[in-house]
C-alpha atoms as a PDB file:
ATOM      1  CA  MET A   1     -13.820 -51.431  36.127  1.00  0.00           C
ATOM      2  CA  ALA A   2     -11.193 -51.613  33.240  1.00  0.00           C
ATOM      3  CA  THR A   3     -10.999 -48.447  31.239  1.00  0.00           C
ATOM      4  CA  VAL A   4     -11.156 -48.882  27.449  1.00  0.00           C
ATOM      5  CA  THR A   5      -8.464 -46.783  25.694  1.00  0.00           C
ATOM      6  CA  SER A   6      -7.338 -46.484  21.988  1.00  0.00           C
ATOM      7  CA  SER A   7      -4.463 -48.810  22.754  1.00  0.00           C
ATOM      8  CA  THR A   8      -6.772 -51.726  23.704  1.00  0.00           C
ATOM      9  CA  LEU A   9      -8.973 -51.319  20.422  1.00  0.00           C
ATOM     10  CA  SER A  10      -8.494 -53.272  17.720  1.00  0.00           C
ATOM     11  CA  PRO A  11      -6.851 -51.826  14.515  1.00  0.00           C
ATOM     12  CA  SER A  12     -10.181 -52.352  12.517  1.00  0.00           C
ATOM     13  CA  ALA A  13     -12.007 -50.553  15.187  1.00  0.00           C
ATOM     14  CA  SER A  14      -9.526 -47.579  15.263  1.00  0.00           C
ATOM     15  CA  ARG A  15      -9.574 -47.298  11.376  1.00  0.00           C
ATOM     16  CA  ALA A  16     -13.370 -47.286  11.674  1.00  0.00           C
ATOM     17  CA  GLY A  17     -13.532 -44.528  14.100  1.00  0.00           C
ATOM     18  CA  ALA A  18     -10.763 -42.339  12.110  1.00  0.00           C
ATOM     19  CA  ARG A  19     -13.167 -42.820   8.909  1.00  0.00           C
ATOM     20  CA  ALA A  20     -16.416 -41.709  11.019  1.00  0.00           C
ATOM     21  CA  ARG A  21     -14.500 -38.715  12.427  1.00  0.00           C
ATOM     22  CA  GLY A  22     -13.190 -37.913   8.756  1.00  0.00           C
ATOM     23  CA  VAL A  23     -16.843 -38.086   7.541  1.00  0.00           C
ATOM     24  CA  LYS A  24     -18.200 -35.842  10.214  1.00  0.00           C
ATOM     25  CA  LYS A  25     -15.440 -33.163   9.619  1.00  0.00           C
ATOM     26  CA  GLY A  26     -16.152 -33.466   5.876  1.00  0.00           C
ATOM     27  CA  LEU A  27     -19.804 -32.962   6.436  1.00  0.00           C
ATOM     28  CA  ARG A  28     -19.054 -29.900   8.200  1.00  0.00           C
ATOM     29  CA  LYS A  29     -17.106 -28.490   5.439  1.00  0.00           C
ATOM     30  CA  LEU A  30     -19.465 -29.505   2.849  1.00  0.00           C
ATOM     31  CA  PRO A  31     -21.552 -26.148   2.793  1.00  0.00           C
ATOM     32  CA  ALA A  32     -18.441 -24.407   2.258  1.00  0.00           C
ATOM     33  CA  TYR A  33     -17.414 -26.485  -0.635  1.00  0.00           C
ATOM     34  CA  VAL A  34     -20.565 -26.233  -2.433  1.00  0.00           C
ATOM     35  CA  LEU A  35     -20.477 -22.548  -2.016  1.00  0.00           C
ATOM     36  CA  LEU A  36     -16.941 -22.379  -3.287  1.00  0.00           C
ATOM     37  CA  THR A  37     -17.822 -24.614  -6.136  1.00  0.00           C
ATOM     38  CA  LEU A  38     -20.797 -22.477  -7.261  1.00  0.00           C
ATOM     39  CA  LEU A  39     -18.756 -19.387  -6.889  1.00  0.00           C
ATOM     40  CA  ALA A  40     -16.111 -21.169  -9.127  1.00  0.00           C
ATOM     41  CA  ILE A  41     -18.591 -21.903 -11.722  1.00  0.00           C
ATOM     42  CA  LEU A  42     -20.044 -18.362 -11.685  1.00  0.00           C
ATOM     43  CA  PHE A  43     -16.360 -16.785 -12.049  1.00  0.00           C
ATOM     44  CA  THR A  44     -15.771 -19.365 -14.932  1.00  0.00           C
ATOM     45  CA  ILE A  45     -18.817 -18.540 -17.181  1.00  0.00           C
ATOM     46  CA  PRO A  46     -17.461 -15.258 -18.640  1.00  0.00           C
ATOM     47  CA  PHE A  47     -14.183 -17.438 -19.680  1.00  0.00           C
ATOM     48  CA  ALA A  48     -16.353 -20.191 -20.970  1.00  0.00           C
ATOM     49  CA  TRP A  49     -18.211 -17.725 -23.075  1.00  0.00           C
ATOM     50  CA  LEU A  50     -15.206 -15.951 -24.401  1.00  0.00           C
ATOM     51  CA  ILE A  51     -13.704 -19.421 -25.843  1.00  0.00           C
ATOM     52  CA  SER A  52     -17.158 -20.268 -27.228  1.00  0.00           C
ATOM     53  CA  THR A  53     -17.641 -17.110 -28.922  1.00  0.00           C
ATOM     54  CA  SER A  54     -14.007 -17.135 -30.286  1.00  0.00           C
ATOM     55  CA  LEU A  55     -14.798 -20.549 -32.187  1.00  0.00           C
ATOM     56  CA  LYS A  56     -18.338 -19.219 -33.675  1.00  0.00           C
ATOM     57  CA  ASP A  57     -19.367 -17.969 -36.922  1.00  0.00           C
ATOM     58  CA  PRO A  58     -20.387 -14.295 -36.890  1.00  0.00           C
ATOM     59  CA  LYS A  59     -23.876 -15.070 -37.516  1.00  0.00           C
ATOM     60  CA  GLN A  60     -24.129 -17.527 -34.547  1.00  0.00           C
ATOM     61  CA  ILE A  61     -22.561 -15.088 -32.072  1.00  0.00           C
ATOM     62  CA  PHE A  62     -25.671 -12.809 -31.309  1.00  0.00           C
ATOM     63  CA  VAL A  63     -28.235 -15.728 -31.602  1.00  0.00           C
ATOM     64  CA  VAL A  64     -31.233 -15.505 -28.826  1.00  0.00           C
ATOM     65  CA  PRO A  65     -31.349 -17.761 -27.128  1.00  0.00           C
ATOM     66  CA  PRO A  66     -27.467 -17.805 -26.975  1.00  0.00           C
ATOM     67  CA  GLU A  67     -25.638 -21.105 -27.957  1.00  0.00           C
ATOM     68  CA  TRP A  68     -22.851 -22.266 -25.938  1.00  0.00           C
ATOM     69  CA  ILE A  69     -21.521 -24.812 -28.074  1.00  0.00           C
ATOM     70  CA  PRO A  70     -20.496 -23.560 -31.714  1.00  0.00           C
ATOM     71  CA  ASN A  71     -22.079 -25.455 -34.672  1.00  0.00           C
ATOM     72  CA  PRO A  72     -19.758 -25.741 -36.541  1.00  0.00           C
ATOM     73  CA  PHE A  73     -16.465 -25.029 -34.731  1.00  0.00           C
ATOM     74  CA  VAL A  74     -14.692 -22.199 -36.577  1.00  0.00           C
ATOM     75  CA  TRP A  75     -11.033 -22.893 -35.734  1.00  0.00           C
ATOM     76  CA  SER A  76      -9.992 -20.608 -38.586  1.00  0.00           C
ATOM     77  CA  ASN A  77     -10.683 -17.600 -36.172  1.00  0.00           C
ATOM     78  CA  TYR A  78      -7.474 -18.061 -34.491  1.00  0.00           C
ATOM     79  CA  PRO A  79      -5.098 -17.849 -37.251  1.00  0.00           C
ATOM     80  CA  ARG A  80      -6.976 -15.047 -38.845  1.00  0.00           C
ATOM     81  CA  SER A  81      -6.882 -13.183 -35.663  1.00  0.00           C
ATOM     82  CA  THR A  82      -3.208 -13.097 -35.792  1.00  0.00           C
ATOM     83  CA  THR A  83      -3.147 -11.519 -39.413  1.00  0.00           C
ATOM     84  CA  PHE A  84      -6.086  -9.135 -39.226  1.00  0.00           C
ATOM     85  CA  ILE A  85      -3.982  -7.146 -36.775  1.00  0.00           C
ATOM     86  CA  PRO A  86      -0.086  -7.262 -36.244  1.00  0.00           C
ATOM     87  CA  PHE A  87      -0.767  -9.515 -33.395  1.00  0.00           C
ATOM     88  CA  TRP A  88       2.768 -11.024 -33.233  1.00  0.00           C
ATOM     89  CA  ARG A  89       4.415  -7.371 -33.179  1.00  0.00           C
ATOM     90  CA  TYR A  90       2.105  -6.373 -30.388  1.00  0.00           C
ATOM     91  CA  PHE A  91       2.742  -9.740 -28.618  1.00  0.00           C
ATOM     92  CA  GLY A  92       6.464  -9.041 -28.751  1.00  0.00           C
ATOM     93  CA  ASN A  93       6.147  -5.441 -27.381  1.00  0.00           C
ATOM     94  CA  THR A  94       3.994  -6.678 -24.535  1.00  0.00           C
ATOM     95  CA  LEU A  95       6.444  -9.506 -23.813  1.00  0.00           C
ATOM     96  CA  TYR A  96       9.364  -7.028 -23.752  1.00  0.00           C
ATOM     97  CA  VAL A  97       7.697  -4.518 -21.590  1.00  0.00           C
ATOM     98  CA  THR A  98       6.271  -7.344 -19.369  1.00  0.00           C
ATOM     99  CA  LEU A  99       9.623  -9.154 -18.843  1.00  0.00           C
ATOM    100  CA  PHE A 100      11.619  -5.980 -18.378  1.00  0.00           C
ATOM    101  CA  ASN A 101       9.163  -4.759 -15.531  1.00  0.00           C
ATOM    102  CA  VAL A 102       9.181  -8.141 -13.794  1.00  0.00           C
ATOM    103  CA  ILE A 103      12.975  -8.498 -13.716  1.00  0.00           C
ATOM    104  CA  ALA A 104      13.380  -4.628 -12.710  1.00  0.00           C
ATOM    105  CA  SER A 105      10.598  -4.935 -10.065  1.00  0.00           C
ATOM    106  CA  VAL A 106      12.115  -8.124  -8.420  1.00  0.00           C
ATOM    107  CA  VAL A 107      15.666  -6.656  -8.351  1.00  0.00           C
ATOM    108  CA  VAL A 108      14.878  -3.122  -7.389  1.00  0.00           C
ATOM    109  CA  CYS A 109      12.188  -3.913  -4.856  1.00  0.00           C
ATOM    110  CA  SER A 110      13.772  -6.765  -3.303  1.00  0.00           C
ATOM    111  CA  PHE A 111      17.063  -4.545  -2.625  1.00  0.00           C
ATOM    112  CA  VAL A 112      15.120  -1.716  -1.186  1.00  0.00           C
ATOM    113  CA  ALA A 113      13.011  -4.018   1.020  1.00  0.00           C
ATOM    114  CA  TYR A 114      16.264  -5.369   2.395  1.00  0.00           C
ATOM    115  CA  GLY A 115      17.215  -1.785   3.498  1.00  0.00           C
ATOM    116  CA  PHE A 116      14.064  -1.244   5.258  1.00  0.00           C
ATOM    117  CA  ALA A 117      13.773  -4.620   7.017  1.00  0.00           C
ATOM    118  CA  ARG A 118      17.390  -5.635   7.756  1.00  0.00           C
ATOM    119  CA  ILE A 119      19.468  -2.354   8.286  1.00  0.00           C
ATOM    120  CA  LYS A 120      18.879  -0.013  11.002  1.00  0.00           C
ATOM    121  CA  TRP A 121      19.539   3.709   9.992  1.00  0.00           C
ATOM    122  CA  PRO A 122      18.039   6.994  11.145  1.00  0.00           C
ATOM    123  CA  GLY A 123      14.665   7.844  10.109  1.00  0.00           C
ATOM    124  CA  ARG A 124      14.095   4.545   8.571  1.00  0.00           C
ATOM    125  CA  ASN A 125      10.343   4.036   9.757  1.00  0.00           C
ATOM    126  CA  ILE A 126       9.460   7.525   8.767  1.00  0.00           C
ATOM    127  CA  VAL A 127      10.776   7.090   5.251  1.00  0.00           C
ATOM    128  CA  PHE A 128       8.890   3.830   4.965  1.00  0.00           C
ATOM    129  CA  LEU A 129       5.759   5.337   6.213  1.00  0.00           C
ATOM    130  CA  VAL A 130       6.014   8.199   3.599  1.00  0.00           C
ATOM    131  CA  LEU A 131       6.557   5.290   0.846  1.00  0.00           C
ATOM    132  CA  ILE A 132       3.460   3.419   2.108  1.00  0.00           C
ATOM    133  CA  SER A 133       1.440   6.534   2.076  1.00  0.00           C
ATOM    134  CA  THR A 134       1.956   6.873  -1.752  1.00  0.00           C
ATOM    135  CA  LEU A 135      -0.291   3.845  -2.135  1.00  0.00           C
ATOM    136  CA  MET A 136      -3.229   6.039  -1.281  1.00  0.00           C
ATOM    137  CA  ILE A 137      -2.522   8.532  -4.125  1.00  0.00           C
ATOM    138  CA  PRO A 138      -4.766   7.451  -6.995  1.00  0.00           C
ATOM    139  CA  TYR A 139      -2.812   6.824 -10.380  1.00  0.00           C
ATOM    140  CA  PRO A 140      -4.987   9.515 -12.319  1.00  0.00           C
ATOM    141  CA  VAL A 141      -3.579  12.158  -9.770  1.00  0.00           C
ATOM    142  CA  THR A 142       0.083  11.665 -10.985  1.00  0.00           C
ATOM    143  CA  LEU A 143      -0.906  10.855 -14.635  1.00  0.00           C
ATOM    144  CA  ILE A 144      -0.544  14.412 -15.844  1.00  0.00           C
ATOM    145  CA  PRO A 145       2.719  15.326 -14.075  1.00  0.00           C
ATOM    146  CA  THR A 146       4.261  11.997 -15.247  1.00  0.00           C
ATOM    147  CA  PHE A 147       3.088  12.592 -18.743  1.00  0.00           C
ATOM    148  CA  LEU A 148       4.820  16.094 -18.729  1.00  0.00           C
ATOM    149  CA  ILE A 149       8.049  14.596 -17.382  1.00  0.00           C
ATOM    150  CA  PHE A 150       8.133  11.865 -19.900  1.00  0.00           C
ATOM    151  CA  ARG A 151       7.566  14.344 -22.900  1.00  0.00           C
ATOM    152  CA  ASP A 152      10.345  16.496 -21.662  1.00  0.00           C
ATOM    153  CA  LEU A 153      12.500  13.352 -21.457  1.00  0.00           C
ATOM    154  CA  GLY A 154      11.510  12.240 -24.927  1.00  0.00           C
ATOM    155  CA  LEU A 155       9.980   9.092 -23.577  1.00  0.00           C
ATOM    156  CA  VAL A 156       6.551   9.607 -24.791  1.00  0.00           C
ATOM    157  CA  ASN A 157       5.591   7.351 -27.884  1.00  0.00           C
ATOM    158  CA  THR A 158       8.357   4.777 -26.949  1.00  0.00           C
ATOM    159  CA  LEU A 159       8.190   1.767 -24.940  1.00  0.00           C
ATOM    160  CA  ASN A 160      10.788   3.382 -22.384  1.00  0.00           C
ATOM    161  CA  ALA A 161       7.781   5.321 -20.924  1.00  0.00           C
ATOM    162  CA  LEU A 162       6.243   1.811 -19.923  1.00  0.00           C
ATOM    163  CA  THR A 163       9.536   0.232 -18.610  1.00  0.00           C
ATOM    164  CA  VAL A 164      11.524   3.123 -16.942  1.00  0.00           C
ATOM    165  CA  PRO A 165       9.251   3.546 -13.973  1.00  0.00           C
ATOM    166  CA  ALA A 166       9.980  -0.046 -12.820  1.00  0.00           C
ATOM    167  CA  LEU A 167      13.642   1.050 -12.307  1.00  0.00           C
ATOM    168  CA  PHE A 168      12.376   3.152  -9.246  1.00  0.00           C
ATOM    169  CA  GLY A 169      10.380   0.547  -7.608  1.00  0.00           C
ATOM    170  CA  SER A 170       6.964  -0.168  -6.385  1.00  0.00           C
ATOM    171  CA  ALA A 171       5.721   0.621  -3.049  1.00  0.00           C
ATOM    172  CA  PHE A 172       3.471  -2.198  -2.759  1.00  0.00           C
ATOM    173  CA  TYR A 173       6.002  -4.919  -3.792  1.00  0.00           C
ATOM    174  CA  ILE A 174       8.557  -3.129  -1.353  1.00  0.00           C
ATOM    175  CA  PHE A 175       6.000  -3.434   1.408  1.00  0.00           C
ATOM    176  CA  LEU A 176       5.224  -7.203   0.427  1.00  0.00           C
ATOM    177  CA  LEU A 177       8.968  -8.224   0.523  1.00  0.00           C
ATOM    178  CA  ARG A 178       9.784  -6.065   3.650  1.00  0.00           C
ATOM    179  CA  GLN A 179       7.016  -8.171   5.571  1.00  0.00           C
ATOM    180  CA  PHE A 180       8.482 -11.303   4.257  1.00  0.00           C
ATOM    181  CA  TYR A 181      12.213 -10.147   5.419  1.00  0.00           C
ATOM    182  CA  LEU A 182      11.169  -9.441   8.833  1.00  0.00           C
ATOM    183  CA  THR A 183       9.846 -12.946   9.339  1.00  0.00           C
ATOM    184  CA  ILE A 184      13.660 -14.190   8.736  1.00  0.00           C
ATOM    185  CA  PRO A 185      15.575 -14.374  12.008  1.00  0.00           C
ATOM    186  CA  GLN A 186      18.210 -11.973  12.476  1.00  0.00           C
ATOM    187  CA  GLU A 187      20.319 -14.302  13.892  1.00  0.00           C
ATOM    188  CA  LEU A 188      21.251 -15.572  10.366  1.00  0.00           C
ATOM    189  CA  SER A 189      22.589 -12.238   9.344  1.00  0.00           C
ATOM    190  CA  GLN A 190      24.503 -11.903  12.779  1.00  0.00           C
ATOM    191  CA  ALA A 191      26.211 -15.276  12.171  1.00  0.00           C
ATOM    192  CA  ALA A 192      27.073 -14.401   8.758  1.00  0.00           C
ATOM    193  CA  LYS A 193      28.646 -10.945   9.816  1.00  0.00           C
ATOM    194  CA  ILE A 194      30.555 -12.850  12.299  1.00  0.00           C
ATOM    195  CA  ASP A 195      32.062 -15.016   9.562  1.00  0.00           C
ATOM    196  CA  GLY A 196      32.973 -11.706   7.884  1.00  0.00           C
ATOM    197  CA  ALA A 197      29.991 -11.452   5.167  1.00  0.00           C
ATOM    198  CA  SER A 198      29.225  -8.005   3.962  1.00  0.00           C
ATOM    199  CA  GLU A 199      25.555  -6.632   3.899  1.00  0.00           C
ATOM    200  CA  PHE A 200      25.408  -7.505   0.188  1.00  0.00           C
ATOM    201  CA  GLN A 201      26.606 -10.918   0.723  1.00  0.00           C
ATOM    202  CA  ILE A 202      24.022 -11.464   3.309  1.00  0.00           C
ATOM    203  CA  TYR A 203      21.351 -10.056   1.045  1.00  0.00           C
ATOM    204  CA  TRP A 204      22.420 -12.249  -2.006  1.00  0.00           C
ATOM    205  CA  LYS A 205      23.359 -15.466  -0.403  1.00  0.00           C
ATOM    206  CA  ILE A 206      21.015 -15.795   2.595  1.00  0.00           C
ATOM    207  CA  ILE A 207      18.185 -13.561   2.252  1.00  0.00           C
ATOM    208  CA  LEU A 208      17.307 -13.960  -1.466  1.00  0.00           C
ATOM    209  CA  PRO A 209      17.317 -17.876  -1.200  1.00  0.00           C
ATOM    210  CA  LEU A 210      15.116 -17.854   1.677  1.00  0.00           C
ATOM    211  CA  ALA A 211      12.460 -15.305  -0.022  1.00  0.00           C
ATOM    212  CA  LYS A 212      11.960 -17.348  -3.333  1.00  0.00           C
ATOM    213  CA  PRO A 213       8.281 -17.579  -2.556  1.00  0.00           C
ATOM    214  CA  ALA A 214       7.626 -13.767  -1.875  1.00  0.00           C
ATOM    215  CA  LEU A 215       9.900 -13.041  -5.024  1.00  0.00           C
ATOM    216  CA  ALA A 216       7.497 -15.401  -6.935  1.00  0.00           C
ATOM    217  CA  VAL A 217       4.519 -13.499  -5.830  1.00  0.00           C
ATOM    218  CA  VAL A 218       6.110 -10.206  -6.809  1.00  0.00           C
ATOM    219  CA  ALA A 219       6.934 -11.464 -10.333  1.00  0.00           C
ATOM    220  CA  LEU A 220       3.509 -12.820 -10.875  1.00  0.00           C
ATOM    221  CA  PHE A 221       1.746  -9.654  -9.719  1.00  0.00           C
ATOM    222  CA  ALA A 222       4.362  -7.562 -11.935  1.00  0.00           C
ATOM    223  CA  PHE A 223       3.511  -9.951 -14.799  1.00  0.00           C
ATOM    224  CA  ILE A 224      -0.139  -9.683 -14.538  1.00  0.00           C
ATOM    225  CA  ALA A 225      -0.147  -5.699 -13.926  1.00  0.00           C
ATOM    226  CA  ASN A 226       2.097  -5.076 -16.970  1.00  0.00           C
ATOM    227  CA  TRP A 227       0.580  -7.967 -19.378  1.00  0.00           C
ATOM    228  CA  ASN A 228      -2.976  -6.424 -18.834  1.00  0.00           C
ATOM    229  CA  ASP A 229      -1.903  -2.697 -18.641  1.00  0.00           C
ATOM    230  CA  PHE A 230      -4.118  -0.773 -20.786  1.00  0.00           C
ATOM    231  CA  LEU A 231      -3.981   2.847 -19.644  1.00  0.00           C
ATOM    232  CA  GLY A 232      -0.165   3.238 -19.593  1.00  0.00           C
ATOM    233  CA  PRO A 233       0.079   2.164 -23.434  1.00  0.00           C
ATOM    234  CA  LEU A 234      -3.061   4.438 -24.171  1.00  0.00           C
ATOM    235  CA  ILE A 235      -1.609   7.405 -22.601  1.00  0.00           C
ATOM    236  CA  PHE A 236       2.182   7.142 -23.647  1.00  0.00           C
ATOM    237  CA  LEU A 237       1.663   5.357 -27.131  1.00  0.00           C
ATOM    238  CA  ASN A 238       0.719   7.066 -30.323  1.00  0.00           C
ATOM    239  CA  ASP A 239       2.714   4.748 -32.776  1.00  0.00           C
ATOM    240  CA  LYS A 240       0.791   1.503 -33.604  1.00  0.00           C
ATOM    241  CA  ASN A 241       4.227  -0.060 -34.179  1.00  0.00           C
ATOM    242  CA  ASN A 242       4.649   0.305 -30.403  1.00  0.00           C
ATOM    243  CA  TYR A 243       1.360  -0.806 -29.297  1.00  0.00           C
ATOM    244  CA  THR A 244       0.931  -3.633 -26.767  1.00  0.00           C
ATOM    245  CA  LEU A 245      -1.874  -6.290 -27.051  1.00  0.00           C
ATOM    246  CA  ALA A 246      -4.135  -4.519 -24.385  1.00  0.00           C
ATOM    247  CA  ILE A 247      -4.476  -1.478 -26.679  1.00  0.00           C
ATOM    248  CA  GLY A 248      -3.735  -3.410 -29.983  1.00  0.00           C
ATOM    249  CA  LEU A 249      -7.049  -5.395 -29.725  1.00  0.00           C
ATOM    250  CA  TYR A 250      -8.926  -2.323 -30.667  1.00  0.00           C
ATOM    251  CA  GLY A 251      -7.936  -2.866 -34.124  1.00  0.00           C
ATOM    252  CA  PHE A 252     -10.898  -5.310 -34.375  1.00  0.00           C
ATOM    253  CA  PHE A 253     -13.259  -2.607 -34.026  1.00  0.00           C
ATOM    254  CA  GLY A 254     -14.091  -1.059 -37.222  1.00  0.00           C
ATOM    255  CA  ARG A 255     -16.309   1.816 -38.235  1.00  0.00           C
ATOM    256  CA  SER A 256     -18.921  -0.116 -39.894  1.00  0.00           C
ATOM    257  CA  ARG A 257     -18.215  -3.740 -38.399  1.00  0.00           C
ATOM    258  CA  THR A 258     -16.769  -5.304 -35.556  1.00  0.00           C
ATOM    259  CA  GLU A 259     -14.965  -8.557 -35.942  1.00  0.00           C
ATOM    260  CA  TRP A 260     -16.407 -10.271 -32.727  1.00  0.00           C
ATOM    261  CA  GLY A 261     -15.269 -13.728 -33.439  1.00  0.00           C
ATOM    262  CA  LEU A 262     -11.538 -12.615 -34.337  1.00  0.00           C
ATOM    263  CA  LEU A 263     -11.357 -10.239 -31.251  1.00  0.00           C
ATOM    264  CA  MET A 264     -12.616 -13.110 -28.851  1.00  0.00           C
ATOM    265  CA  ALA A 265      -9.938 -15.390 -30.478  1.00  0.00           C
ATOM    266  CA  ALA A 266      -7.270 -12.855 -30.088  1.00  0.00           C
ATOM    267  CA  ALA A 267      -8.456 -12.122 -26.556  1.00  0.00           C
ATOM    268  CA  THR A 268      -8.109 -15.763 -25.702  1.00  0.00           C
ATOM    269  CA  LEU A 269      -4.709 -15.941 -26.913  1.00  0.00           C
ATOM    270  CA  MET A 270      -3.795 -12.871 -25.011  1.00  0.00           C
ATOM    271  CA  ILE A 271      -4.875 -14.290 -21.466  1.00  0.00           C
ATOM    272  CA  SER A 272      -3.498 -17.760 -22.275  1.00  0.00           C
ATOM    273  CA  PRO A 273       0.073 -16.770 -20.961  1.00  0.00           C
ATOM    274  CA  VAL A 274      -1.422 -15.468 -17.680  1.00  0.00           C
ATOM    275  CA  ILE A 275      -3.352 -18.531 -16.986  1.00  0.00           C
ATOM    276  CA  ILE A 276      -0.740 -20.952 -17.814  1.00  0.00           C
ATOM    277  CA  LEU A 277       1.770 -19.036 -15.592  1.00  0.00           C
ATOM    278  CA  PHE A 278      -0.703 -18.921 -12.652  1.00  0.00           C
ATOM    279  CA  PHE A 279      -1.292 -22.656 -12.723  1.00  0.00           C
ATOM    280  CA  LEU A 280       2.160 -23.468 -12.891  1.00  0.00           C
ATOM    281  CA  THR A 281       3.193 -21.242 -10.001  1.00  0.00           C
ATOM    282  CA  GLN A 282       0.001 -21.534  -7.922  1.00  0.00           C
ATOM    283  CA  ARG A 283       1.501 -23.458  -5.088  1.00  0.00           C
ATOM    284  CA  THR A 284       4.561 -20.999  -4.852  1.00  0.00           C
ATOM    285  CA  PHE A 285       2.116 -18.249  -5.220  1.00  0.00           C
ATOM    286  CA  ILE A 286      -0.138 -19.266  -2.403  1.00  0.00           C
ATOM    287  CA  GLU A 287       2.959 -20.046  -0.114  1.00  0.00           C
ATOM    288  CA  GLY A 288       4.444 -16.568  -0.658  1.00  0.00           C
ATOM    289  CA  ILE A 289       0.952 -14.666  -0.040  1.00  0.00           C
ATOM    290  CA  THR A 290       0.855 -16.752   3.205  1.00  0.00           C
ATOM    291  CA  LEU A 291       4.140 -16.030   4.288  1.00  0.00           C
ATOM    292  CA  THR A 292       4.234 -12.494   3.606  1.00  0.00           C
ATOM    293  CA  GLY A 293       0.978 -11.885   5.783  1.00  0.00           C
ATOM    294  CA  LEU A 294      -1.314 -10.528   3.008  1.00  0.00           C
ATOM    295  CA  THR A 295      -3.967 -12.937   4.171  1.00  0.00           C
ATOM    296  CA  GLY A 296      -4.300 -11.186   7.709  1.00  0.00           C
END
């Protein structure tokens, strides 16, 4: 009896079989897709309410039952929100602090991580273990000593209090980059050394170009953390001219009245750069997370 193989089937039959297998595979994944869709809708609701409230008249904000679609659309809330408080000054302060910390974190942490991952020296693993141990120390524990040090250095009430710490690196970013560097074959470094390259040349011309996904992840994490930072400006800044957006939005809260519509409009403007940046770097971000092993 002749055996029927895939090579003896007609092209139409092969395509039909492939479609059937694809449908079965899709049906198996359907519950997961439905669950993820429901979760996505659930997490989108607060953002949708934020945008809806930013376009409402004050009388419409607290109507029961709530109205999702503003009637009418009060577009003037957005330009008014930028003049009710020194929005653009706060925006400039936030942008300066964020960009400084992003650049400093990428440069410093990538350099330190290279030393832990690619250079052998006595006590390297012990020092790295001590560094990682600092991740278990809650930020409030070090807040008072940090404030006292910054006060003695004259950094309190200046933006330097929010930027100088980035020059000393972050244990989490160093760990993330080190994990990626370990996946790069040592043969590349050895071949470069045979050709006469120094450690810095290997780091600059070989490792960094290969580490672009991981560097993008660090940059995005640093951007989000500093853009949304509230506790740091609250503790170290007293002069309103130095406020960042996270703390500057409190200007919408008055003693007798809170401008909720303007507050929501300003909050929408504040989070827009983060959302835009994430969507522009989403593919690189996911690739970097996967390659650094954070997914387990």
